[in-house]
C-alpha cells in the first residue's frame, strides 16, 4: 500500500508527463504460468526499471476490476504452490500493475487495491512514465528483479 500511495500522490504533483508507449513496449514478458490445471498467460506484462509490471488499460470500472483480478491471479500462481490441497508460499514474488485510468475509476482505498497489496502487487495509478519510473526506482528494494531467479 505504501508504494500505491507514493505513486498516487506523486502523480498528483506532476502535472504533465509522457503516456505509456514505446519505452515500455519493447520489453514484453512472454511466459505461461501454470498450477495444477490453472493456466495464465500474462500478455500485458512488461519490464520497467527491472520490475515486472502489468499494464492495465481498461477505460471502465468493470473492465479495470477484471484486469486487476487477472493480474492478481497471475501473481498468486507465481507465488504459491498447492501442497495436499493447501496453498504454500514458494516465493515472495512482488510486482506492480499500472492502471492508466485507475485514478478516476478506483479509489485509493478500494477493495481491489487492498487485494492487490495482499497478493504482493502494487497498483500504480496514472500513465505518466515519470511517475512509474520514479515509484519503481524509489521502492526497487521491495520488488524481485526480473531475471533474478535465473542468475
N, C-alpha and C. Protein backbone atom coordinates (compact mmCIF):
# COMPACT_ATOMS: atom_id res chain seq x y z
N UNK A 1 0.82 -1.19 0.00
CA UNK A 1 0.00 0.00 0.00
C UNK A 1 0.87 1.26 0.00
N UNK A 2 2.04 1.17 0.60
CA UNK A 2 2.93 2.34 0.65
C UNK A 2 3.36 2.73 -0.76
N UNK A 3 3.64 1.74 -1.61
CA UNK A 3 4.04 2.02 -2.99
C UNK A 3 2.88 2.66 -3.75
N UNK A 4 1.68 2.15 -3.57
CA UNK A 4 0.50 2.69 -4.24
C UNK A 4 0.25 4.13 -3.82
N UNK A 5 0.34 4.40 -2.53
CA UNK A 5 0.13 5.78 -2.04
C UNK A 5 1.20 6.74 -2.57
N UNK A 6 2.46 6.28 -2.58
CA UNK A 6 3.56 7.10 -3.08
C UNK A 6 3.28 7.50 -4.54
N UNK A 7 2.91 6.53 -5.37
CA UNK A 7 2.64 6.81 -6.79
C UNK A 7 1.42 7.70 -6.94
N UNK A 8 0.40 7.50 -6.12
CA UNK A 8 -0.82 8.29 -6.20
C UNK A 8 -0.53 9.77 -5.97
N UNK A 9 0.21 10.07 -4.92
CA UNK A 9 0.49 11.47 -4.60
C UNK A 9 1.55 12.07 -5.53
N UNK A 10 2.50 11.26 -6.01
CA UNK A 10 3.47 11.74 -6.98
C UNK A 10 2.77 12.08 -8.29
N UNK A 11 1.80 11.28 -8.67
CA UNK A 11 1.03 11.51 -9.88
C UNK A 11 0.28 12.84 -9.80
N UNK A 12 -0.21 13.18 -8.63
CA UNK A 12 -0.91 14.46 -8.45
C UNK A 12 0.04 15.65 -8.53
N UNK A 13 1.29 15.46 -8.08
CA UNK A 13 2.25 16.57 -8.10
C UNK A 13 2.78 16.87 -9.49
N UNK A 14 2.95 15.85 -10.31
CA UNK A 14 3.48 16.06 -11.65
C UNK A 14 2.32 16.37 -12.58
N UNK A 15 2.33 17.55 -13.15
CA UNK A 15 1.18 17.99 -13.96
C UNK A 15 1.21 17.43 -15.37
N UNK A 16 2.37 17.30 -15.98
CA UNK A 16 2.44 16.78 -17.34
C UNK A 16 3.46 15.67 -17.39
N UNK A 17 3.20 14.68 -18.22
CA UNK A 17 4.13 13.57 -18.36
C UNK A 17 3.88 12.84 -19.66
N UNK A 18 4.71 11.87 -19.89
CA UNK A 18 4.58 11.07 -21.10
C UNK A 18 3.63 9.91 -20.85
N UNK A 19 2.83 9.58 -21.84
CA UNK A 19 1.96 8.43 -21.72
C UNK A 19 2.76 7.16 -21.94
N UNK A 20 2.24 6.06 -21.41
CA UNK A 20 2.89 4.77 -21.64
C UNK A 20 2.95 4.53 -23.13
N UNK A 21 4.07 4.10 -23.62
CA UNK A 21 4.20 3.86 -25.04
C UNK A 21 5.42 3.05 -25.35
N UNK A 22 6.17 3.47 -26.31
CA UNK A 22 7.29 2.70 -26.82
C UNK A 22 8.36 2.34 -25.79
N UNK A 23 8.72 3.20 -24.81
CA UNK A 23 9.77 2.80 -23.88
C UNK A 23 9.46 1.50 -23.15
N UNK A 24 8.17 1.20 -22.90
CA UNK A 24 7.81 0.01 -22.16
C UNK A 24 7.43 -1.14 -23.09
N UNK A 25 7.00 -0.84 -24.31
CA UNK A 25 6.50 -1.88 -25.21
C UNK A 25 7.60 -2.82 -25.70
N UNK A 26 8.84 -2.39 -25.69
CA UNK A 26 9.93 -3.21 -26.22
C UNK A 26 10.37 -4.32 -25.28
N UNK A 27 9.95 -4.29 -24.04
CA UNK A 27 10.44 -5.25 -23.06
C UNK A 27 9.31 -6.15 -22.54
N UNK A 28 8.55 -6.74 -23.44
CA UNK A 28 7.44 -7.61 -23.07
C UNK A 28 7.94 -8.89 -22.41
N UNK A 29 7.16 -9.39 -21.45
CA UNK A 29 7.46 -10.65 -20.77
C UNK A 29 6.58 -11.72 -21.40
N UNK A 30 7.18 -12.79 -21.89
CA UNK A 30 6.42 -13.85 -22.53
C UNK A 30 6.69 -15.19 -21.83
N UNK A 31 5.71 -15.64 -21.05
CA UNK A 31 5.79 -16.95 -20.44
C UNK A 31 4.42 -17.34 -19.95
N UNK A 32 4.20 -18.62 -19.74
CA UNK A 32 2.91 -19.12 -19.28
C UNK A 32 3.05 -19.61 -17.85
N UNK A 33 2.11 -19.21 -17.00
CA UNK A 33 2.11 -19.63 -15.60
C UNK A 33 1.09 -20.73 -15.41
N UNK A 34 1.48 -21.79 -14.71
CA UNK A 34 0.57 -22.91 -14.51
C UNK A 34 0.67 -23.42 -13.09
N UNK A 35 -0.47 -23.92 -12.59
CA UNK A 35 -0.52 -24.54 -11.28
C UNK A 35 -1.68 -25.53 -11.25
N UNK A 36 -1.37 -26.81 -11.30
CA UNK A 36 -2.39 -27.87 -11.16
C UNK A 36 -3.61 -27.63 -12.05
N UNK A 37 -3.40 -27.43 -13.34
CA UNK A 37 -4.52 -27.26 -14.25
C UNK A 37 -4.98 -25.84 -14.46
N UNK A 38 -4.53 -24.91 -13.64
CA UNK A 38 -4.85 -23.49 -13.83
C UNK A 38 -3.73 -22.87 -14.67
N UNK A 39 -4.12 -22.13 -15.68
CA UNK A 39 -3.13 -21.53 -16.57
C UNK A 39 -3.41 -20.04 -16.73
N UNK A 40 -2.33 -19.27 -16.85
CA UNK A 40 -2.46 -17.82 -17.05
C UNK A 40 -1.34 -17.39 -17.97
N UNK A 41 -1.69 -16.66 -19.01
CA UNK A 41 -0.73 -16.17 -19.99
C UNK A 41 -0.68 -14.65 -19.88
N UNK A 42 0.29 -14.09 -19.15
CA UNK A 42 0.33 -12.64 -18.92
C UNK A 42 0.80 -11.87 -20.16
N UNK A 43 -0.14 -11.55 -21.04
CA UNK A 43 0.20 -10.85 -22.28
C UNK A 43 0.45 -9.38 -22.08
N UNK A 44 0.06 -8.84 -20.94
CA UNK A 44 0.16 -7.40 -20.70
C UNK A 44 1.35 -7.03 -19.81
N UNK A 45 2.31 -7.93 -19.62
CA UNK A 45 3.43 -7.64 -18.73
C UNK A 45 4.64 -7.14 -19.49
N UNK A 46 5.26 -6.12 -18.91
CA UNK A 46 6.50 -5.55 -19.44
C UNK A 46 7.48 -5.40 -18.29
N UNK A 47 8.72 -5.11 -18.61
CA UNK A 47 9.73 -4.87 -17.59
C UNK A 47 10.05 -3.38 -17.56
N UNK A 48 9.85 -2.75 -16.38
CA UNK A 48 10.14 -1.34 -16.20
C UNK A 48 11.07 -1.22 -15.00
N UNK A 49 12.22 -0.60 -15.19
CA UNK A 49 13.21 -0.44 -14.11
C UNK A 49 13.57 -1.79 -13.50
N UNK A 50 13.57 -2.85 -14.30
CA UNK A 50 13.92 -4.18 -13.82
C UNK A 50 12.81 -4.87 -13.05
N UNK A 51 11.60 -4.30 -13.03
CA UNK A 51 10.48 -4.86 -12.29
C UNK A 51 9.39 -5.27 -13.28
N UNK A 52 8.87 -6.49 -13.12
CA UNK A 52 7.75 -6.90 -13.96
C UNK A 52 6.54 -6.06 -13.61
N UNK A 53 5.92 -5.50 -14.64
CA UNK A 53 4.80 -4.59 -14.45
C UNK A 53 3.68 -4.96 -15.40
N UNK A 54 2.47 -5.07 -14.89
CA UNK A 54 1.30 -5.33 -15.72
C UNK A 54 0.70 -4.00 -16.14
N UNK A 55 0.40 -3.86 -17.43
CA UNK A 55 -0.21 -2.63 -17.93
C UNK A 55 -1.71 -2.84 -18.04
N UNK A 56 -2.48 -2.13 -17.23
CA UNK A 56 -3.93 -2.25 -17.19
C UNK A 56 -4.53 -1.06 -17.94
N UNK A 57 -5.12 -1.32 -19.08
CA UNK A 57 -5.54 -0.24 -19.98
C UNK A 57 -7.04 -0.03 -20.04
N UNK A 58 -7.82 -0.66 -19.17
CA UNK A 58 -9.28 -0.56 -19.21
C UNK A 58 -9.73 0.87 -18.99
N UNK A 59 -10.84 1.21 -19.64
CA UNK A 59 -11.41 2.55 -19.52
C UNK A 59 -12.71 2.57 -18.73
N UNK A 60 -13.19 1.39 -18.31
CA UNK A 60 -14.39 1.35 -17.47
C UNK A 60 -14.06 0.60 -16.19
N UNK A 61 -14.82 0.87 -15.13
CA UNK A 61 -14.53 0.26 -13.83
C UNK A 61 -14.63 -1.27 -13.88
N UNK A 62 -15.68 -1.80 -14.51
CA UNK A 62 -15.83 -3.25 -14.58
C UNK A 62 -14.66 -3.92 -15.29
N UNK A 63 -14.24 -3.34 -16.41
CA UNK A 63 -13.10 -3.91 -17.13
C UNK A 63 -11.81 -3.78 -16.34
N UNK A 64 -11.63 -2.67 -15.64
CA UNK A 64 -10.43 -2.50 -14.84
C UNK A 64 -10.40 -3.50 -13.69
N UNK A 65 -11.53 -3.72 -13.04
CA UNK A 65 -11.60 -4.71 -11.96
C UNK A 65 -11.27 -6.10 -12.51
N UNK A 66 -11.77 -6.41 -13.69
CA UNK A 66 -11.47 -7.69 -14.34
C UNK A 66 -9.97 -7.82 -14.62
N UNK A 67 -9.34 -6.76 -15.10
CA UNK A 67 -7.91 -6.80 -15.38
C UNK A 67 -7.09 -6.92 -14.09
N UNK A 68 -7.51 -6.22 -13.04
CA UNK A 68 -6.82 -6.34 -11.75
C UNK A 68 -6.92 -7.77 -11.25
N UNK A 69 -8.11 -8.38 -11.34
CA UNK A 69 -8.28 -9.76 -10.90
C UNK A 69 -7.40 -10.72 -11.68
N UNK A 70 -7.27 -10.53 -12.99
CA UNK A 70 -6.39 -11.39 -13.79
C UNK A 70 -4.94 -11.22 -13.37
N UNK A 71 -4.54 -10.00 -13.11
CA UNK A 71 -3.17 -9.74 -12.67
C UNK A 71 -2.90 -10.41 -11.33
N UNK A 72 -3.86 -10.33 -10.42
CA UNK A 72 -3.70 -10.96 -9.11
C UNK A 72 -3.65 -12.48 -9.24
N UNK A 73 -4.45 -13.04 -10.14
CA UNK A 73 -4.41 -14.49 -10.37
C UNK A 73 -3.02 -14.92 -10.83
N UNK A 74 -2.44 -14.15 -11.73
CA UNK A 74 -1.09 -14.46 -12.21
C UNK A 74 -0.07 -14.39 -11.10
N UNK A 75 -0.17 -13.39 -10.24
CA UNK A 75 0.77 -13.26 -9.14
C UNK A 75 0.61 -14.38 -8.12
N UNK A 76 -0.63 -14.80 -7.87
CA UNK A 76 -0.86 -15.92 -6.95
C UNK A 76 -0.29 -17.21 -7.54
N UNK A 77 -0.45 -17.42 -8.85
CA UNK A 77 0.11 -18.61 -9.48
C UNK A 77 1.63 -18.63 -9.38
N UNK A 78 2.26 -17.46 -9.45
CA UNK A 78 3.72 -17.40 -9.34
C UNK A 78 4.20 -17.52 -7.91
N UNK A 79 3.40 -17.09 -6.96
CA UNK A 79 3.85 -17.01 -5.57
C UNK A 79 3.52 -18.23 -4.73
N UNK A 80 2.51 -19.01 -5.12
CA UNK A 80 2.05 -20.11 -4.27
C UNK A 80 2.05 -21.43 -5.02
N UNK A 81 2.15 -22.50 -4.28
CA UNK A 81 2.06 -23.85 -4.80
C UNK A 81 1.05 -24.60 -3.94
N UNK A 82 0.35 -25.57 -4.53
CA UNK A 82 -0.60 -26.36 -3.75
C UNK A 82 0.08 -27.61 -3.22
N UNK A 83 0.07 -27.80 -1.92
CA UNK A 83 0.63 -28.97 -1.28
C UNK A 83 -0.51 -29.64 -0.50
N UNK A 84 -0.93 -30.80 -0.98
CA UNK A 84 -2.04 -31.53 -0.38
C UNK A 84 -3.29 -30.65 -0.25
N UNK A 85 -3.53 -29.85 -1.28
CA UNK A 85 -4.72 -29.02 -1.31
C UNK A 85 -4.62 -27.70 -0.57
N UNK A 86 -3.48 -27.44 0.08
CA UNK A 86 -3.30 -26.20 0.82
C UNK A 86 -2.27 -25.32 0.12
N UNK A 87 -2.53 -24.01 0.03
CA UNK A 87 -1.55 -23.13 -0.60
C UNK A 87 -0.32 -22.95 0.29
N UNK A 88 0.85 -23.03 -0.33
CA UNK A 88 2.11 -22.81 0.38
C UNK A 88 2.93 -21.82 -0.44
N UNK A 89 3.44 -20.81 0.25
CA UNK A 89 4.21 -19.77 -0.44
C UNK A 89 5.52 -20.36 -0.95
N UNK A 90 5.77 -20.21 -2.26
CA UNK A 90 7.02 -20.72 -2.82
C UNK A 90 8.02 -19.60 -3.08
N UNK A 91 7.53 -18.36 -3.14
CA UNK A 91 8.43 -17.22 -3.29
C UNK A 91 7.70 -15.98 -2.79
N UNK A 92 8.47 -14.98 -2.46
CA UNK A 92 7.87 -13.70 -2.06
C UNK A 92 7.91 -12.77 -3.27
N UNK A 93 7.34 -13.25 -4.35
CA UNK A 93 7.35 -12.51 -5.60
C UNK A 93 6.52 -11.25 -5.48
N UNK A 94 7.04 -10.14 -5.93
CA UNK A 94 6.33 -8.86 -5.91
C UNK A 94 6.41 -8.25 -7.30
N UNK A 95 5.32 -7.63 -7.72
CA UNK A 95 5.37 -6.89 -8.97
C UNK A 95 4.39 -5.73 -8.91
N UNK A 96 4.35 -4.92 -9.96
CA UNK A 96 3.47 -3.76 -9.97
C UNK A 96 2.47 -3.87 -11.11
N UNK A 97 1.40 -3.11 -11.00
CA UNK A 97 0.39 -3.02 -12.05
C UNK A 97 0.07 -1.55 -12.26
N UNK A 98 0.22 -1.09 -13.48
CA UNK A 98 -0.04 0.31 -13.81
C UNK A 98 -1.43 0.42 -14.41
N UNK A 99 -2.32 1.13 -13.73
CA UNK A 99 -3.69 1.35 -14.19
C UNK A 99 -3.79 2.77 -14.73
N UNK A 100 -3.74 2.91 -16.05
CA UNK A 100 -3.70 4.24 -16.65
C UNK A 100 -4.94 5.07 -16.30
N UNK A 101 -6.10 4.45 -16.21
CA UNK A 101 -7.32 5.20 -15.85
C UNK A 101 -7.73 4.93 -14.41
N UNK A 102 -6.85 4.36 -13.63
CA UNK A 102 -7.18 3.93 -12.27
C UNK A 102 -7.58 5.04 -11.34
N UNK A 103 -7.00 6.21 -11.49
CA UNK A 103 -7.29 7.31 -10.57
C UNK A 103 -8.75 7.76 -10.65
N UNK A 104 -9.32 7.72 -11.86
CA UNK A 104 -10.71 8.14 -11.98
C UNK A 104 -11.69 6.97 -11.82
N UNK A 105 -11.21 5.72 -11.88
CA UNK A 105 -12.10 4.57 -11.78
C UNK A 105 -12.07 3.87 -10.42
N UNK A 106 -10.95 3.93 -9.74
CA UNK A 106 -10.80 3.25 -8.45
C UNK A 106 -10.39 4.25 -7.38
N UNK A 107 -10.83 4.00 -6.19
CA UNK A 107 -10.44 4.80 -5.05
C UNK A 107 -9.16 4.21 -4.47
N UNK A 108 -8.35 5.04 -3.87
CA UNK A 108 -7.11 4.56 -3.24
C UNK A 108 -7.41 3.53 -2.17
N UNK A 109 -8.60 3.56 -1.59
CA UNK A 109 -8.98 2.64 -0.52
C UNK A 109 -9.96 1.56 -1.00
N UNK A 110 -9.99 1.29 -2.29
CA UNK A 110 -10.94 0.29 -2.81
C UNK A 110 -10.48 -1.13 -2.49
N UNK A 111 -11.44 -2.04 -2.54
CA UNK A 111 -11.16 -3.46 -2.26
C UNK A 111 -10.11 -4.00 -3.21
N UNK A 112 -10.16 -3.60 -4.46
CA UNK A 112 -9.22 -4.12 -5.46
C UNK A 112 -7.78 -3.72 -5.15
N UNK A 113 -7.60 -2.49 -4.70
CA UNK A 113 -6.25 -2.02 -4.37
C UNK A 113 -5.70 -2.75 -3.15
N UNK A 114 -6.55 -2.96 -2.14
CA UNK A 114 -6.11 -3.71 -0.95
C UNK A 114 -5.86 -5.18 -1.27
N UNK A 115 -6.71 -5.78 -2.11
CA UNK A 115 -6.49 -7.18 -2.51
C UNK A 115 -5.18 -7.32 -3.26
N UNK A 116 -4.88 -6.35 -4.10
CA UNK A 116 -3.61 -6.37 -4.83
C UNK A 116 -2.44 -6.31 -3.86
N UNK A 117 -2.52 -5.44 -2.87
CA UNK A 117 -1.44 -5.32 -1.89
C UNK A 117 -1.25 -6.62 -1.12
N UNK A 118 -2.33 -7.30 -0.80
CA UNK A 118 -2.22 -8.57 -0.06
C UNK A 118 -1.55 -9.67 -0.88
N UNK A 119 -1.67 -9.60 -2.21
CA UNK A 119 -1.02 -10.61 -3.05
C UNK A 119 0.35 -10.17 -3.54
N UNK A 120 0.82 -9.03 -3.06
CA UNK A 120 2.16 -8.58 -3.44
C UNK A 120 2.22 -7.75 -4.69
N UNK A 121 1.11 -7.16 -5.09
CA UNK A 121 1.06 -6.33 -6.29
C UNK A 121 0.78 -4.89 -5.91
N UNK A 122 1.63 -3.99 -6.31
CA UNK A 122 1.42 -2.56 -6.06
C UNK A 122 0.72 -1.96 -7.27
N UNK A 123 -0.45 -1.39 -7.06
CA UNK A 123 -1.19 -0.74 -8.14
C UNK A 123 -0.74 0.71 -8.22
N UNK A 124 -0.29 1.11 -9.40
CA UNK A 124 0.17 2.48 -9.62
C UNK A 124 -0.84 3.16 -10.54
N UNK A 125 -1.48 4.20 -10.04
CA UNK A 125 -2.47 4.93 -10.82
C UNK A 125 -1.77 5.89 -11.77
N UNK A 126 -2.37 6.09 -12.95
CA UNK A 126 -1.86 7.07 -13.91
C UNK A 126 -1.01 6.43 -14.97
N UNK A 127 -0.73 7.23 -16.00
CA UNK A 127 0.04 6.71 -17.12
C UNK A 127 1.29 7.55 -17.40
N UNK A 128 1.66 8.37 -16.46
CA UNK A 128 2.85 9.20 -16.66
C UNK A 128 4.10 8.37 -16.42
N UNK A 129 4.93 8.29 -17.44
CA UNK A 129 6.14 7.48 -17.36
C UNK A 129 7.03 7.93 -16.20
N UNK A 130 7.07 9.24 -15.95
CA UNK A 130 7.92 9.77 -14.87
C UNK A 130 7.48 9.22 -13.51
N UNK A 131 6.17 9.15 -13.30
CA UNK A 131 5.64 8.65 -12.03
C UNK A 131 5.97 7.17 -11.86
N UNK A 132 5.75 6.41 -12.91
CA UNK A 132 6.01 4.97 -12.85
C UNK A 132 7.48 4.69 -12.58
N UNK A 133 8.36 5.33 -13.33
CA UNK A 133 9.79 5.09 -13.16
C UNK A 133 10.29 5.57 -11.80
N UNK A 134 9.83 6.73 -11.35
CA UNK A 134 10.25 7.25 -10.05
C UNK A 134 9.77 6.34 -8.92
N UNK A 135 8.54 5.88 -9.00
CA UNK A 135 7.99 4.99 -7.97
C UNK A 135 8.76 3.68 -7.91
N UNK A 136 8.96 3.05 -9.04
CA UNK A 136 9.66 1.77 -9.07
C UNK A 136 11.13 1.92 -8.66
N UNK A 137 11.73 3.04 -9.02
CA UNK A 137 13.10 3.30 -8.61
C UNK A 137 13.19 3.52 -7.10
N UNK A 138 12.25 4.27 -6.54
CA UNK A 138 12.24 4.58 -5.11
C UNK A 138 12.07 3.32 -4.25
N UNK A 139 11.24 2.38 -4.73
CA UNK A 139 10.96 1.16 -3.97
C UNK A 139 11.63 -0.07 -4.59
N UNK A 140 12.72 0.10 -5.29
CA UNK A 140 13.33 -1.00 -6.02
C UNK A 140 13.74 -2.17 -5.13
N UNK A 141 14.07 -1.92 -3.88
CA UNK A 141 14.47 -3.00 -2.98
C UNK A 141 13.33 -3.92 -2.59
N UNK A 142 12.09 -3.50 -2.80
CA UNK A 142 10.93 -4.32 -2.41
C UNK A 142 10.46 -5.25 -3.51
N UNK A 143 10.93 -5.04 -4.72
CA UNK A 143 10.49 -5.86 -5.84
C UNK A 143 11.58 -6.85 -6.22
N UNK A 144 11.14 -8.06 -6.62
CA UNK A 144 12.08 -9.03 -7.16
C UNK A 144 12.41 -8.59 -8.55
N UNK A 145 13.70 -8.50 -8.83
CA UNK A 145 14.12 -8.05 -10.16
C UNK A 145 13.85 -9.13 -11.18
N UNK A 146 13.44 -8.72 -12.39
CA UNK A 146 13.17 -9.65 -13.48
C UNK A 146 14.48 -10.35 -13.82
N UNK A 147 14.44 -11.65 -13.87
CA UNK A 147 15.63 -12.43 -14.21
C UNK A 147 16.49 -12.74 -13.02
N UNK A 148 16.13 -12.31 -11.80
CA UNK A 148 16.94 -12.56 -10.63
C UNK A 148 17.01 -14.04 -10.29
N UNK A 149 15.92 -14.79 -10.58
CA UNK A 149 15.94 -16.21 -10.28
C UNK A 149 16.76 -16.99 -11.28
N UNK A 150 17.05 -16.38 -12.45
CA UNK A 150 17.86 -17.04 -13.46
C UNK A 150 19.34 -16.96 -13.11
N UNK A 151 19.72 -15.96 -12.30
CA UNK A 151 21.13 -15.74 -12.01
C UNK A 151 21.67 -16.75 -11.00
